[in-house]
Amino acid sequence: MISKSSLAAYNEIMSDGKSETQLKTILNLLNVWDEPLSASEIKKQTGLEINAVSGRINDLKKMGVVVECDRRPCSITNRLITPVFFDRGL
């Protein structure tokens, strides 16, 4: 179940003509991906630059659309990271 605030923020991003393409790209990926992703994993899947990914992840966290998950090693860098996931009422 998706929380009402997350759903409202998601709908605003997806329908707002002024929304950044980067936000939409990352949100679309997180919406369909089954596991939390690191910034490096999102970069690999989207082709966006890491600084853009990091900035947009922060924006999405502030909006309450994505949540941080348990720390784990990144599949790309093998560093311990805090991945993010689309908030489905976790």
Protein backbone atom coordinates (compact mmCIF):
# COMPACT_ATOMS: atom_id res chain seq x y z
CA MET A 1 0.00 0.00 0.00
CA ILE A 2 1.33 3.44 -0.94
CA SER A 3 0.95 6.21 1.63
CA LYS A 4 -1.34 9.08 0.55
CA SER A 5 1.44 11.70 0.80
CA SER A 6 3.83 9.59 -1.28
CA LEU A 7 1.16 8.96 -3.88
CA ALA A 8 0.31 12.67 -4.07
CA ALA A 9 3.98 13.63 -4.48
CA TYR A 10 4.44 10.92 -7.11
CA ASN A 11 1.40 12.09 -9.06
CA GLU A 12 2.60 15.71 -8.89
CA ILE A 13 6.02 14.79 -10.27
CA MET A 14 4.55 12.65 -13.03
CA SER A 15 1.96 15.22 -14.15
CA ASP A 16 3.84 18.50 -13.65
CA GLY A 17 5.19 19.77 -16.97
CA LYS A 18 7.92 21.69 -15.13
CA SER A 19 9.27 18.59 -13.39
CA GLU A 20 12.78 17.64 -14.24
CA THR A 21 13.36 14.72 -16.56
CA GLN A 22 15.98 13.40 -14.15
CA LEU A 23 13.44 13.15 -11.33
CA LYS A 24 11.02 11.29 -13.57
CA THR A 25 13.72 8.95 -14.85
CA ILE A 26 14.87 8.01 -11.34
CA LEU A 27 11.36 7.75 -9.96
CA ASN A 28 10.24 5.54 -12.84
CA LEU A 29 13.19 3.22 -12.22
CA LEU A 30 12.57 3.03 -8.48
CA ASN A 31 8.86 2.49 -9.06
CA VAL A 32 9.42 -0.66 -11.13
CA TRP A 33 12.56 -2.01 -9.44
CA ASP A 34 12.01 -4.76 -6.87
CA GLU A 35 14.95 -3.89 -4.62
CA PRO A 36 16.42 -0.75 -3.05
CA LEU A 37 19.13 0.84 -5.21
CA SER A 38 22.28 2.84 -4.53
CA ALA A 39 23.13 6.01 -6.41
CA SER A 40 25.74 4.07 -8.41
CA GLU A 41 23.20 1.39 -9.30
CA ILE A 42 20.72 4.06 -10.40
CA LYS A 43 23.49 5.72 -12.45
CA LYS A 44 24.21 2.41 -14.19
CA GLN A 45 20.53 1.80 -15.00
CA THR A 46 19.70 5.34 -16.16
CA GLY A 47 22.94 6.65 -17.62
CA LEU A 48 22.61 9.84 -15.55
CA GLU A 49 25.70 11.40 -13.96
CA ILE A 50 26.29 10.45 -10.32
CA ASN A 51 25.98 14.06 -9.10
CA ALA A 52 22.59 14.37 -10.81
CA VAL A 53 21.45 11.07 -9.30
CA SER A 54 22.56 12.08 -5.80
CA GLY A 55 20.83 15.46 -6.04
CA ARG A 56 17.59 14.01 -7.34
CA ILE A 57 17.59 11.26 -4.69
CA ASN A 58 17.84 13.98 -2.03
CA ASP A 59 14.93 15.84 -3.67
CA LEU A 60 12.81 12.68 -3.71
CA LYS A 61 13.64 11.94 -0.05
CA LYS A 62 12.57 15.47 0.94
CA MET A 63 9.28 14.95 -0.94
CA GLY A 64 8.72 11.71 0.97
CA VAL A 65 8.57 9.68 -2.21
CA VAL A 66 11.60 7.49 -1.53
CA VAL A 67 12.88 6.03 1.71
CA GLU A 68 16.27 4.88 2.87
CA CYS A 69 16.65 1.16 3.50
CA ASP A 70 19.04 -1.03 5.45
CA ARG A 71 22.71 -0.56 4.64
CA ARG A 72 24.35 -3.10 2.35
CA PRO A 73 27.31 -3.34 -0.02
CA CYS A 74 26.74 -1.65 -3.39
CA SER A 75 26.76 -4.15 -6.26
CA ILE A 76 28.92 -1.75 -8.29
CA THR A 77 31.34 -0.12 -5.84
CA ASN A 78 31.20 -2.81 -3.12
CA ARG A 79 31.15 0.04 -0.57
CA LEU A 80 28.67 0.01 2.28
CA ILE A 81 25.76 2.23 1.19
CA THR A 82 22.24 3.19 2.24
CA PRO A 83 20.05 2.35 -0.77
CA VAL A 84 16.70 3.96 -1.50
CA PHE A 85 13.35 2.51 -2.47
CA PHE A 86 10.06 3.93 -3.75
CA ASP A 87 7.88 4.37 -0.66
CA ARG A 88 5.11 1.81 -0.92
CA GLY A 89 4.09 2.29 2.68
CA LEU A 90 7.12 0.46 4.11
